[in-house]
Amino acid sequence: MFTRLSGNLLRLSCCISFKTSKFLCSPQLSASQFCSFHFSSSHSFFTSLLVPHLSFQHPLPSRSCFPVLGSDRDNHYLSGFTHPVGHMDLHKVLKVLEQLAPLSLAESWDNVGLLVEPTNPRPIKTILLTNDLTAAVMDEAVAMNCDLIVSYHPPLFRPFKRLLQKDWKQRLAVRAIEGGIAIFSPHTSWDSVEGGVNDWLVGGMGSGQVSVLSQAHSCGPQKHRLEFSSMNEEELNSLLEQLRHIEGSETFQCSTVRNESGGQQVNLTCNSSALTAAVQILLSNPHASKSLNITQVQQPPLLGCGQGRLSVLDEPVSVSTAVQKMKTHLGLPHLRLALGDQQTLDSMVKTVAVCAGSGASVIQGVKADLYITGEMSHHEVLDAVSNGTSVILSDHSNSERGFLTVFRDRLAAQLGDTVNIVISQRDRDPLQVI
């Protein structure tokens, strides 16, 4: 049977924790979407895959992420022990982690989620947050009897064919397995999510109108839109009756409009799994086959989510002030600066493009007064400078690590006092200015 479409129903649940006169809110988007249609009128409908040339309307999903916190951000890497009164099951903790930053937001090339799962997972009493999982951080985890390591960068990225002691990442995997320590990595899902790493990074420049540079889209089954016409209502009903017998037809979305000749113009949306069967039915009808047009349907964007950010500052600042702001925000004594062509330290900055980590692929070519990222190649910096854009580089992980403090507070608000959440004291960028 067909499903009638009336819009996108969302279920919103909030967990509120009062900390230092601020609250943290974590809305959750229900996995189900309810739809309706009317055969007598045209209707816009939901989408599935990216087709830039397709024009249509759809109800946008509401923001499913957390708000950016206030400007009084803290970059002190405190241990934050809370003396837990209990513990949590590993998979319950993982569910919370994925609610705060859905793994579906990660880039397709990334390796995110649970990377190491012990045979007999221990109850989670202590979670260690780190930007990079190194041998020093693993020593720290073992010493504190850690049960779960949340490493922003995935320590396991490329496939292994063997686990040997001669490779440092393989040694880490073996130590985690032997110690019964689970490892989870969020990486680019933290970058993409609203209120995540990139929103935190651009927030160091102060308030502004922030937009996403590379938009994230809803995930779901690939869908196609079939447009065809029927000579009259009787022929249409016959076609629809045949379509109802297709497996998965309960997910079809359909609308009709009566044309000037008295026939019916039909828009039918179906999953890819049902596409072949639906097309075969329509091709068997002479009138429908002549008018049949098939297009992939684009997924709706997830507002506020995606890679990179562009901020139009409410109060423009000089390049010199921008450098000082970012030093304070990142907790660093030094930053690298490349002045744009014809720019000076006194030149004003109104627009800022940021991408945490190695962000050139996201921000390159964006029109902005200033780029902020962890690292760019020599020639990428030259390209930006020649276009009059100044560049601030902090080194890769220094553009990300400060977010751990923000995330610790959010995770603590969800888990309560049942789990210790600790920020690594041994985690640091491998490059230092001496």
Protein backbone atom coordinates (compact mmCIF):
# COMPACT_ATOMS: atom_id res chain seq x y z
CA MET A 1 0.00 0.00 0.00
CA PHE A 2 1.06 3.61 -0.46
CA THR A 3 2.03 5.95 2.35
CA ARG A 4 0.41 9.34 2.57
CA LEU A 5 2.86 12.23 2.91
CA SER A 6 2.14 15.25 5.06
CA GLY A 7 5.58 16.33 6.14
CA ASN A 8 8.60 15.34 8.16
CA LEU A 9 7.69 14.46 11.72
CA LEU A 10 10.48 14.84 14.24
CA ARG A 11 10.70 13.62 17.79
CA LEU A 12 12.76 16.00 19.90
CA SER A 13 14.16 15.02 23.25
CA CYS A 14 16.48 17.20 25.27
CA CYS A 15 18.82 16.42 28.09
CA ILE A 16 19.59 19.56 30.09
CA SER A 17 22.45 19.87 32.53
CA PHE A 18 23.07 23.13 34.37
CA LYS A 19 26.81 23.80 34.54
CA THR A 20 28.34 27.22 35.15
CA SER A 21 25.08 28.95 34.25
CA LYS A 22 24.92 27.22 30.83
CA PHE A 23 22.86 24.38 29.55
CA LEU A 24 23.69 21.68 27.06
CA CYS A 25 21.00 20.40 24.78
CA SER A 26 21.16 17.25 22.67
CA PRO A 27 18.13 16.90 20.37
CA GLN A 28 17.64 13.56 18.70
CA LEU A 29 16.12 13.06 15.30
CA SER A 30 13.80 10.09 15.13
CA ALA A 31 14.85 7.54 12.55
CA SER A 32 11.40 7.34 11.02
CA GLN A 33 9.86 9.85 8.65
CA PHE A 34 6.17 9.81 7.96
CA CYS A 35 4.83 10.84 4.59
CA SER A 36 1.50 11.38 2.79
CA PHE A 37 0.26 12.27 -0.67
CA HIS A 38 -2.90 13.26 -2.44
CA PHE A 39 -3.69 11.92 -5.90
CA SER A 40 -5.61 15.08 -6.72
CA SER A 41 -2.82 17.59 -6.23
CA SER A 42 0.89 17.98 -6.82
CA HIS A 43 3.24 17.31 -3.96
CA SER A 44 6.89 17.73 -3.12
CA PHE A 45 8.61 14.77 -1.58
CA PHE A 46 11.68 13.57 0.22
CA THR A 47 14.92 12.75 -1.45
CA SER A 48 17.80 10.33 -1.35
CA LEU A 49 20.89 10.88 -3.52
CA LEU A 50 22.80 13.98 -4.60
CA VAL A 51 21.63 15.22 -8.01
CA PRO A 52 22.66 18.88 -8.24
CA HIS A 53 20.55 19.61 -11.34
CA LEU A 54 17.29 18.33 -9.85
CA SER A 55 14.97 21.05 -8.62
CA PHE A 56 12.35 20.24 -6.01
CA GLN A 57 11.01 21.22 -2.63
CA HIS A 58 11.16 19.22 0.55
CA PRO A 59 10.71 19.75 4.28
CA LEU A 60 14.11 20.22 5.85
CA PRO A 61 15.12 18.15 8.86
CA SER A 62 15.47 20.24 11.98
CA ARG A 63 18.84 20.79 13.53
CA SER A 64 19.90 17.57 15.17
CA CYS A 65 23.02 18.78 16.90
CA PHE A 66 24.08 20.79 19.90
CA PRO A 67 24.47 24.58 20.05
CA VAL A 68 27.83 26.28 20.16
CA LEU A 69 28.65 27.18 23.74
CA GLY A 70 29.42 30.65 25.01
CA SER A 71 32.61 32.57 24.34
CA ASP A 72 34.27 31.66 27.67
CA ARG A 73 35.85 28.51 26.26
CA ASP A 74 38.40 26.67 28.32
CA ASN A 75 41.53 25.15 26.81
CA HIS A 76 42.99 23.74 30.02
CA TYR A 77 43.33 20.00 29.69
CA LEU A 78 42.06 19.00 33.10
CA SER A 79 41.56 15.42 34.11
CA GLY A 80 38.02 16.00 35.34
CA PHE A 81 37.56 12.98 37.63
CA THR A 82 34.03 12.86 39.01
CA HIS A 83 34.22 9.91 41.43
CA PRO A 84 31.59 7.73 39.75
CA VAL A 85 29.06 5.82 41.75
CA GLY A 86 28.57 3.13 39.10
CA HIS A 87 29.34 2.16 35.53
CA MET A 88 27.74 1.78 32.12
CA ASP A 89 27.60 -0.91 29.48
CA LEU A 90 29.91 -0.24 26.51
CA HIS A 91 27.14 -0.23 23.93
CA LYS A 92 25.07 2.22 25.98
CA VAL A 93 28.04 4.59 26.00
CA LEU A 94 28.51 4.12 22.25
CA LYS A 95 24.85 4.99 21.71
CA VAL A 96 25.35 8.28 23.55
CA LEU A 97 28.52 9.04 21.58
CA GLU A 98 26.70 8.49 18.31
CA GLN A 99 23.76 10.62 19.42
CA LEU A 100 26.11 13.53 20.10
CA ALA A 101 27.74 13.14 16.67
CA PRO A 102 26.09 10.67 14.27
CA LEU A 103 28.68 8.58 12.45
CA SER A 104 26.69 9.07 9.25
CA LEU A 105 28.15 12.60 9.15
CA ALA A 106 31.70 11.27 8.70
CA GLU A 107 33.37 11.45 5.31
CA SER A 108 33.13 8.31 3.16
CA TRP A 109 36.92 7.77 3.26
CA ASP A 110 37.09 7.95 7.04
CA ASN A 111 37.32 5.09 9.56
CA VAL A 112 35.04 6.00 12.44
CA GLY A 113 33.11 4.28 15.20
CA LEU A 114 34.14 1.38 17.41
CA LEU A 115 37.60 0.28 16.22
CA VAL A 116 38.58 -2.15 18.99
CA GLU A 117 36.05 -4.21 20.92
CA PRO A 118 37.32 -6.55 23.66
CA THR A 119 36.01 -10.12 23.68
CA ASN A 120 34.50 -9.52 27.09
CA PRO A 121 34.02 -5.75 27.36
CA ARG A 122 34.43 -4.40 30.86
CA PRO A 123 31.79 -2.16 32.39
CA ILE A 124 32.75 1.39 31.43
CA LYS A 125 33.95 3.25 34.49
CA THR A 126 36.66 5.47 32.97
CA ILE A 127 36.76 7.09 29.51
CA LEU A 128 39.94 8.72 28.24
CA LEU A 129 39.58 11.46 25.60
CA THR A 130 42.54 12.15 23.34
CA ASN A 131 43.19 13.81 20.00
CA ASP A 132 45.74 11.15 19.00
CA LEU A 133 46.30 7.70 20.45
CA THR A 134 50.07 7.37 20.84
CA ALA A 135 52.19 4.99 22.90
CA ALA A 136 52.41 7.63 25.64
CA VAL A 137 48.62 8.01 25.74
CA MET A 138 48.19 4.22 25.83
CA ASP A 139 50.57 4.08 28.81
CA GLU A 140 48.40 6.70 30.47
CA ALA A 141 45.23 4.71 29.71
CA VAL A 142 46.67 1.50 31.14
CA ALA A 143 47.93 3.27 34.27
CA MET A 144 44.49 4.66 35.07
CA ASN A 145 42.75 1.34 34.28
CA CYS A 146 40.81 2.99 31.45
CA ASP A 147 37.94 1.04 29.90
CA LEU A 148 37.29 3.11 26.76
CA ILE A 149 39.55 5.41 24.75
CA VAL A 150 37.84 8.00 22.56
CA SER A 151 40.52 9.04 20.08
CA TYR A 152 39.50 11.85 17.74
CA HIS A 153 41.90 10.61 15.04
CA PRO A 154 41.39 6.90 14.24
CA PRO A 155 44.53 5.02 15.31
CA LEU A 156 43.50 2.23 12.94
CA PHE A 157 42.99 3.66 9.48
CA ARG A 158 44.52 1.47 6.79
CA PRO A 159 43.75 -2.27 6.77
CA PHE A 160 46.11 -4.62 8.61
CA LYS A 161 47.14 -8.01 7.25
CA ARG A 162 48.90 -8.93 10.49
CA LEU A 163 49.41 -7.65 14.03
CA LEU A 164 53.12 -7.35 14.77
CA GLN A 165 55.21 -5.56 17.36
CA LYS A 166 57.38 -3.80 14.78
CA ASP A 167 54.59 -1.39 13.77
CA TRP A 168 53.59 1.18 16.40
CA LYS A 169 49.89 1.27 15.45
CA GLN A 170 49.67 -2.50 15.46
CA ARG A 171 51.28 -2.50 18.90
CA LEU A 172 48.58 -0.12 20.12
CA ALA A 173 45.84 -2.43 18.82
CA VAL A 174 47.43 -5.43 20.52
CA ARG A 175 47.83 -3.59 23.83
CA ALA A 176 44.19 -2.48 23.74
CA ILE A 177 42.99 -6.02 23.06
CA GLU A 178 45.22 -7.52 25.76
CA GLY A 179 44.14 -4.87 28.25
CA GLY A 180 40.45 -5.17 27.48
CA ILE A 181 40.29 -1.52 26.41
CA ALA A 182 37.77 -0.48 23.76
CA ILE A 183 38.72 2.22 21.22
CA PHE A 184 36.25 4.57 19.53
CA SER A 185 37.01 7.27 16.96
CA PRO A 186 34.58 10.02 15.79
CA HIS A 187 36.98 12.05 13.57
CA THR A 188 35.13 13.80 10.71
CA SER A 189 31.73 13.25 12.32
CA TRP A 190 32.91 15.68 15.02
CA ASP A 191 34.10 18.05 12.28
CA SER A 192 30.78 17.97 10.47
CA VAL A 193 28.24 18.06 13.28
CA GLU A 194 26.76 21.40 14.23
CA GLY A 195 28.47 22.66 17.35
CA GLY A 196 31.44 20.39 16.63
CA VAL A 197 35.14 21.00 16.02
CA ASN A 198 34.75 23.48 13.16
CA ASP A 199 32.10 25.55 14.93
CA TRP A 200 34.33 25.57 18.01
CA LEU A 201 37.32 26.67 15.89
CA VAL A 202 35.57 29.52 14.11
CA GLY A 203 34.07 30.62 17.44
CA GLY A 204 37.55 31.74 18.47
CA MET A 205 37.15 34.73 16.17
CA GLY A 206 34.03 35.93 17.95
CA SER A 207 30.39 36.05 16.93
CA GLY A 208 29.31 36.17 13.32
CA GLN A 209 27.00 34.79 10.66
CA VAL A 210 28.32 31.24 10.20
CA SER A 211 27.63 29.01 7.21
CA VAL A 212 28.84 25.55 6.18
CA LEU A 213 31.37 25.31 3.35
CA SER A 214 30.69 21.70 2.29
CA GLN A 215 27.09 20.82 3.12
CA ALA A 216 26.20 17.47 4.69
CA HIS A 217 23.03 15.73 3.53
CA SER A 218 20.61 13.30 5.07
CA CYS A 219 21.41 9.65 4.59
CA GLY A 220 18.89 7.04 3.60
CA PRO A 221 18.07 4.63 0.81
CA GLN A 222 18.67 5.86 -2.72
CA LYS A 223 15.44 6.94 -4.38
CA HIS A 224 14.26 7.73 -7.89
CA ARG A 225 11.43 9.85 -9.21
CA LEU A 226 9.33 8.48 -12.06
CA GLU A 227 7.25 11.00 -14.00
CA PHE A 228 4.65 9.71 -16.43
CA SER A 229 1.13 10.39 -17.63
CA SER A 230 -2.03 8.33 -18.00
CA MET A 231 -4.92 8.89 -20.39
CA ASN A 232 -7.61 8.81 -17.72
CA GLU A 233 -8.34 7.88 -14.12
CA GLU A 234 -9.27 4.31 -15.01
CA GLU A 235 -5.88 3.69 -16.63
CA LEU A 236 -4.12 5.34 -13.69
CA ASN A 237 -5.91 3.13 -11.14
CA SER A 238 -4.92 0.06 -13.13
CA LEU A 239 -1.24 1.09 -13.10
CA LEU A 240 -1.32 1.90 -9.40
CA GLU A 241 -2.89 -1.46 -8.61
CA GLN A 242 -0.03 -3.22 -10.40
CA LEU A 243 2.55 -1.06 -8.63
CA ARG A 244 1.04 -1.98 -5.25
CA HIS A 245 2.14 -5.58 -5.75
CA ILE A 246 5.83 -4.60 -5.90
CA GLU A 247 7.83 -5.52 -2.79
CA GLY A 248 8.49 -2.33 -0.82
CA SER A 249 5.58 -0.45 -2.37
CA GLU A 250 4.56 0.76 1.08
CA THR A 251 7.46 3.24 0.84
CA PHE A 252 6.28 4.72 -2.48
CA GLN A 253 5.29 8.38 -2.55
CA CYS A 254 2.93 9.54 -5.28
CA SER A 255 1.15 12.65 -6.47
CA THR A 256 -1.08 13.37 -9.45
CA VAL A 257 -2.25 16.45 -11.32
CA ARG A 258 -5.05 16.50 -13.90
CA ASN A 259 -3.81 17.91 -17.20
CA GLU A 260 -5.73 19.96 -19.77
CA SER A 261 -6.67 16.92 -21.87
CA GLY A 262 -8.32 15.21 -18.91
CA GLY A 263 -5.48 12.79 -18.29
CA GLN A 264 -3.33 12.47 -15.19
CA GLN A 265 0.29 13.62 -14.74
CA VAL A 266 1.91 11.37 -12.14
CA ASN A 267 5.02 11.76 -9.94
CA LEU A 268 6.05 8.53 -8.21
CA THR A 269 9.06 8.18 -5.88
CA CYS A 270 10.43 4.72 -5.09
CA ASN A 271 13.53 3.15 -3.58
CA SER A 272 16.21 1.85 -5.94
CA SER A 273 15.37 -1.71 -4.95
CA ALA A 274 11.92 -1.31 -6.50
CA LEU A 275 12.96 0.76 -9.52
CA THR A 276 13.31 -2.08 -12.05
CA ALA A 277 9.94 -3.62 -11.24
CA ALA A 278 8.19 -0.24 -11.36
CA VAL A 279 9.77 0.67 -14.71
CA GLN A 280 8.79 -2.68 -16.25
CA ILE A 281 5.15 -2.09 -15.29
CA LEU A 282 5.14 1.43 -16.74
CA LEU A 283 6.87 0.35 -19.95
CA SER A 284 4.13 -2.21 -20.51
CA ASN A 285 1.62 0.64 -20.82
CA PRO A 286 1.87 2.45 -24.21
CA HIS A 287 0.87 5.87 -22.88
CA ALA A 288 2.98 5.76 -19.71
CA SER A 289 6.04 4.41 -21.54
CA LYS A 290 6.08 7.32 -24.02
CA SER A 291 6.00 9.94 -21.23
CA LEU A 292 8.24 8.17 -18.70
CA ASN A 293 11.09 10.24 -17.25
CA ILE A 294 13.37 8.91 -14.48
CA THR A 295 15.65 10.99 -12.20
CA GLN A 296 17.59 10.33 -9.02
CA VAL A 297 16.27 12.24 -6.04
CA GLN A 298 18.54 14.46 -4.02
CA GLN A 299 18.87 14.07 -0.27
CA PRO A 300 17.77 17.05 1.83
CA PRO A 301 20.60 18.99 3.51
CA LEU A 302 21.27 18.71 7.24
CA LEU A 303 21.21 22.30 8.38
CA GLY A 304 24.37 23.39 10.17
CA CYS A 305 26.28 20.19 9.40
CA GLY A 306 29.15 19.64 6.99
CA GLN A 307 32.86 20.30 6.56
CA GLY A 308 34.39 23.74 7.12
CA ARG A 309 32.82 27.02 8.19
CA LEU A 310 32.65 30.55 6.84
CA SER A 311 31.97 33.36 9.30
CA VAL A 312 31.03 36.94 8.47
CA LEU A 313 32.15 38.58 11.69
CA ASP A 314 29.77 40.86 13.55
CA GLU A 315 32.77 43.00 14.49
CA PRO A 316 35.68 43.04 12.01
CA VAL A 317 39.14 42.84 13.55
CA SER A 318 42.68 43.48 12.36
CA VAL A 319 44.90 40.60 11.27
CA SER A 320 47.03 41.23 14.35
CA THR A 321 43.98 40.96 16.62
CA ALA A 322 42.84 37.82 14.82
CA VAL A 323 46.21 36.19 15.57
CA GLN A 324 45.95 37.08 19.26
CA LYS A 325 42.38 35.81 19.45
CA MET A 326 43.36 32.45 17.99
CA LYS A 327 46.41 32.13 20.26
CA THR A 328 44.12 32.57 23.24
CA HIS A 329 41.45 30.27 21.86
CA LEU A 330 43.87 27.47 21.02
CA GLY A 331 46.05 27.97 24.10
CA LEU A 332 49.20 28.40 22.01
CA PRO A 333 52.14 30.79 22.41
CA HIS A 334 52.90 30.76 18.67
CA LEU A 335 51.03 30.58 15.36
CA ARG A 336 52.28 30.78 11.78
CA LEU A 337 50.96 33.65 9.68
CA ALA A 338 51.13 34.35 5.95
CA LEU A 339 49.89 37.82 5.02
CA GLY A 340 47.79 38.07 1.90
CA ASP A 341 49.02 40.13 -1.04
CA GLN A 342 48.79 43.86 -0.23
CA GLN A 343 47.75 43.01 3.35
CA THR A 344 49.39 44.17 6.61
CA LEU A 345 48.94 43.32 10.29
CA ASP A 346 46.55 46.28 10.47
CA SER A 347 44.37 45.10 7.56
CA MET A 348 40.82 44.38 8.62
CA VAL A 349 39.31 40.90 8.63
CA LYS A 350 35.57 40.66 7.99
CA THR A 351 35.25 37.12 6.61
CA VAL A 352 36.98 34.01 7.95
CA ALA A 353 37.05 30.50 6.45
CA VAL A 354 38.13 27.68 8.78
CA CYS A 355 38.64 23.93 8.61
CA ALA A 356 40.23 21.99 11.45
CA GLY A 357 43.22 19.75 10.71
CA SER A 358 44.49 19.76 7.14
CA GLY A 359 41.81 21.97 5.66
CA ALA A 360 43.09 23.17 2.30
CA SER A 361 40.83 20.86 0.30
CA VAL A 362 37.79 22.46 1.97
CA ILE A 363 38.73 26.14 2.22
CA GLN A 364 40.88 26.53 -0.91
CA GLY A 365 39.21 28.89 -3.36
CA VAL A 366 36.73 30.24 -0.78
CA LYS A 367 36.57 34.03 -0.91
CA ALA A 368 37.56 35.23 2.56
CA ASP A 369 39.91 37.71 4.21
CA LEU A 370 41.48 35.02 6.40
CA TYR A 371 41.94 31.25 6.36
CA ILE A 372 42.43 29.36 9.62
CA THR A 373 43.44 25.71 9.62
CA GLY A 374 46.02 23.37 11.10
CA GLU A 375 48.24 22.84 8.08
CA MET A 376 48.50 23.68 4.38
CA SER A 377 51.22 22.87 1.86
CA HIS A 378 53.69 25.52 0.72
CA HIS A 379 51.97 25.94 -2.65
CA GLU A 380 48.49 26.01 -1.14
CA VAL A 381 49.59 28.92 1.08
CA LEU A 382 51.09 30.70 -1.94
CA ASP A 383 47.80 30.34 -3.82
CA ALA A 384 45.84 31.86 -0.93
CA VAL A 385 48.30 34.73 -0.45
CA SER A 386 48.26 35.59 -4.17
CA ASN A 387 44.47 35.99 -3.90
CA GLY A 388 44.87 38.48 -1.06
CA THR A 389 43.84 36.03 1.68
CA SER A 390 45.91 35.83 4.85
CA VAL A 391 46.52 32.41 6.42
CA ILE A 392 46.87 31.30 10.05
CA LEU A 393 48.32 27.82 10.67
CA SER A 394 48.42 26.22 14.12
CA ASP A 395 49.80 22.76 13.17
CA HIS A 396 47.36 19.95 12.56
CA SER A 397 46.13 18.70 15.91
CA ASN A 398 46.40 22.07 17.66
CA SER A 399 43.39 23.18 15.61
CA GLU A 400 41.35 20.30 17.07
CA ARG A 401 42.56 19.41 20.57
CA GLY A 402 40.83 22.22 22.46
CA PHE A 403 37.43 20.80 21.50
CA LEU A 404 38.04 17.84 23.84
CA THR A 405 37.20 20.07 26.81
CA VAL A 406 33.90 21.08 25.23
CA PHE A 407 33.05 17.49 24.36
CA ARG A 408 33.94 16.23 27.83
CA ASP A 409 31.30 18.52 29.32
CA ARG A 410 28.68 17.42 26.79
CA LEU A 411 29.41 13.75 27.37
CA ALA A 412 29.34 14.23 31.15
CA ALA A 413 25.94 15.90 30.84
CA GLN A 414 24.64 12.75 29.14
CA LEU A 415 26.36 10.11 31.27
CA GLY A 416 26.05 11.84 34.64
CA ASP A 417 28.23 10.70 37.53
CA THR A 418 28.34 7.06 36.50
CA VAL A 419 31.57 7.39 34.48
CA ASN A 420 34.89 9.24 34.88
CA ILE A 421 35.66 11.24 31.76
CA VAL A 422 39.34 12.14 31.56
CA ILE A 423 41.23 14.30 29.05
CA SER A 424 44.69 12.94 28.29
CA GLN A 425 47.65 14.74 29.81
CA ARG A 426 50.11 13.02 27.45
CA ASP A 427 48.41 13.95 24.17
CA ARG A 428 50.14 16.75 22.26
CA ASP A 429 51.01 17.81 18.73
CA PRO A 430 54.28 16.16 17.66
CA LEU A 431 55.61 19.48 16.27
CA GLN A 432 56.94 22.13 18.64
CA VAL A 433 58.44 25.57 18.10
CA ILE A 434 61.82 25.76 19.85
